[in-house]
Each structure stands twice: as C-alpha cells, then as structure tokens.
Amino acid sequence: MTADHDGAFTIAFVGYAEPASAGRAVAYEDEVLSLLADHGARLLFRGRRVDGEDPSLPLEVHVIWFPHRAAFDSYLADDRRLALVEQFGEPFTAKHVVEVEAVTPLTR
C-alpha cells in the first residue's frame, strides 16, 4: 500500500475458502465487517461466489473505503476483531488485499 497516511483509500479483499470452511468464513465476515463503521470505514461492495462455481475460485470479494491509514490500522488492531479471529480461526485458505483506485465509479 502507498505511504500517504493522511488520505482516504480503498482496498479490495479477495478471500478463498474450501467448501468445508465456507460457512465459517461467511459467519466470520458477517461479524467482522460490522466493525468497519466504528473506524470510519465503509463497505462499498461484498460479493460471494455463486453456488455451483468452481470452489477454487474466491469465496468472497469486498471493496472497502477507509478515511485514512490510522483507521485501517485501528480496524486491524480492534480487540473485537482479534477476538473474532481467535473464535473463528482462519477460515480462508488464501487472502489478498490490494489498494485500488476507481477507474469506473460504483453505481447502485
């Protein structure tokens, strides 16, 4: 991620999970994503792999906006988030987080 700590930024999260852990991954994300607002962040998009798709494809894709790096760091260090990590374990077989910039804005 870039070094600008003062400006807003957007990340894309891509999480992979095996069918056996998919339910746990979804339950974890249901809980942990609800913490974003407490850090000034916004979930812009959450999508999930369609039933019947190849299970080696990503299970969940998120686009999340943060007002600044301190908000992102605060979210990652949130004791409630860390407790959820402890509770659910690691349901994803792989995760990728990449900072992105809009080429075409999201529309509703």
Protein backbone atom coordinates (compact mmCIF):
# COMPACT_ATOMS: atom_id res chain seq x y z
CA MET A 1 0.00 0.00 0.00
CA THR A 2 1.09 3.57 -0.59
CA ALA A 3 2.78 5.72 2.03
CA ASP A 4 0.16 8.55 2.12
CA HIS A 5 -1.12 8.20 5.69
CA ASP A 6 -3.48 11.18 5.64
CA GLY A 7 -5.64 10.49 2.62
CA ALA A 8 -8.62 8.24 2.11
CA PHE A 9 -8.01 4.98 0.25
CA THR A 10 -9.86 1.91 -0.94
CA ILE A 11 -8.88 -1.74 -0.70
CA ALA A 12 -10.14 -4.87 -2.39
CA PHE A 13 -10.15 -8.06 -0.35
CA VAL A 14 -10.29 -11.44 -2.08
CA GLY A 15 -10.70 -14.48 0.16
CA TYR A 16 -10.52 -18.14 -0.85
CA ALA A 17 -12.11 -20.90 1.23
CA GLU A 18 -12.69 -24.60 0.78
CA PRO A 19 -16.32 -25.79 0.76
CA ALA A 20 -15.83 -27.31 4.23
CA SER A 21 -14.87 -23.94 5.75
CA ALA A 22 -17.05 -21.66 3.60
CA GLY A 23 -19.82 -21.38 6.20
CA ARG A 24 -17.30 -20.42 8.88
CA ALA A 25 -15.73 -17.84 6.54
CA VAL A 26 -19.12 -16.27 5.80
CA ALA A 27 -20.03 -16.16 9.52
CA TYR A 28 -16.67 -14.56 10.33
CA GLU A 29 -17.10 -11.91 7.65
CA ASP A 30 -20.69 -11.22 8.78
CA GLU A 31 -19.28 -10.34 12.21
CA VAL A 32 -16.01 -8.63 11.37
CA LEU A 33 -17.34 -6.38 8.61
CA SER A 34 -19.85 -4.91 11.05
CA LEU A 35 -16.89 -3.33 12.89
CA LEU A 36 -15.85 -1.16 9.94
CA ALA A 37 -18.20 1.73 10.72
CA ASP A 38 -16.67 2.11 14.18
CA HIS A 39 -13.41 3.02 12.41
CA GLY A 40 -14.99 5.42 9.92
CA ALA A 41 -14.73 2.87 7.11
CA ARG A 42 -17.43 1.84 4.63
CA LEU A 43 -18.07 -1.47 2.95
CA LEU A 44 -18.77 -0.48 -0.65
CA PHE A 45 -19.29 -3.97 -2.03
CA ARG A 46 -19.45 -7.53 -0.73
CA GLY A 47 -19.89 -10.38 -3.16
CA ARG A 48 -19.83 -14.14 -2.76
CA ARG A 49 -19.09 -17.00 -5.14
CA VAL A 50 -22.28 -18.36 -6.70
CA ASP A 51 -23.27 -21.91 -5.74
CA GLY A 52 -22.00 -24.34 -8.34
CA GLU A 53 -18.95 -22.25 -9.26
CA ASP A 54 -15.52 -23.85 -9.09
CA PRO A 55 -14.60 -23.98 -5.36
CA SER A 56 -11.02 -23.00 -6.22
CA LEU A 57 -12.32 -19.52 -7.15
CA PRO A 58 -12.58 -16.80 -4.48
CA LEU A 59 -15.38 -17.23 -1.96
CA GLU A 60 -15.73 -13.53 -1.06
CA VAL A 61 -14.72 -10.23 -2.62
CA HIS A 62 -15.00 -6.93 -0.71
CA VAL A 63 -14.34 -3.34 -1.65
CA ILE A 64 -13.76 -1.22 1.45
CA TRP A 65 -13.13 2.53 1.81
CA PHE A 66 -11.04 3.88 4.70
CA PRO A 67 -10.78 7.58 5.56
CA HIS A 68 -7.03 7.28 6.36
CA ARG A 69 -4.32 4.76 7.31
CA ALA A 70 -4.89 5.21 11.03
CA ALA A 71 -8.47 3.99 10.57
CA PHE A 72 -7.22 0.88 8.75
CA ASP A 73 -4.60 0.23 11.42
CA SER A 74 -7.21 0.76 14.14
CA TYR A 75 -9.56 -1.71 12.46
CA LEU A 76 -6.82 -4.34 12.21
CA ALA A 77 -5.91 -3.86 15.88
CA ASP A 78 -9.51 -3.75 17.17
CA ASP A 79 -9.78 -6.12 20.15
CA ARG A 80 -13.22 -7.27 18.94
CA ARG A 81 -11.76 -8.17 15.54
CA LEU A 82 -8.89 -10.03 17.18
CA ALA A 83 -11.37 -11.92 19.38
CA LEU A 84 -13.28 -12.95 16.25
CA VAL A 85 -10.06 -14.19 14.65
CA GLU A 86 -9.50 -16.27 17.78
CA GLN A 87 -13.10 -17.51 17.82
CA PHE A 88 -13.34 -18.48 14.14
CA GLY A 89 -9.73 -19.40 13.45
CA GLU A 90 -8.53 -18.89 9.88
CA PRO A 91 -11.36 -20.00 7.56
CA PHE A 92 -9.61 -18.78 4.39
CA THR A 93 -7.03 -20.84 2.54
CA ALA A 94 -5.67 -17.65 0.93
CA LYS A 95 -6.37 -13.92 1.17
CA HIS A 96 -5.27 -11.00 -0.96
CA VAL A 97 -5.62 -7.33 -0.08
CA VAL A 98 -4.78 -4.72 -2.67
CA GLU A 99 -5.17 -0.98 -2.64
CA VAL A 100 -7.26 0.08 -5.63
CA GLU A 101 -8.35 3.29 -7.28
CA ALA A 102 -11.60 3.78 -9.13
CA VAL A 103 -11.45 3.58 -12.89
CA THR A 104 -15.21 3.48 -13.15
CA PRO A 105 -17.20 4.51 -10.07
CA LEU A 106 -19.52 2.06 -8.35
CA THR A 107 -23.18 2.67 -9.12
CA ARG A 108 -26.26 1.34 -7.43
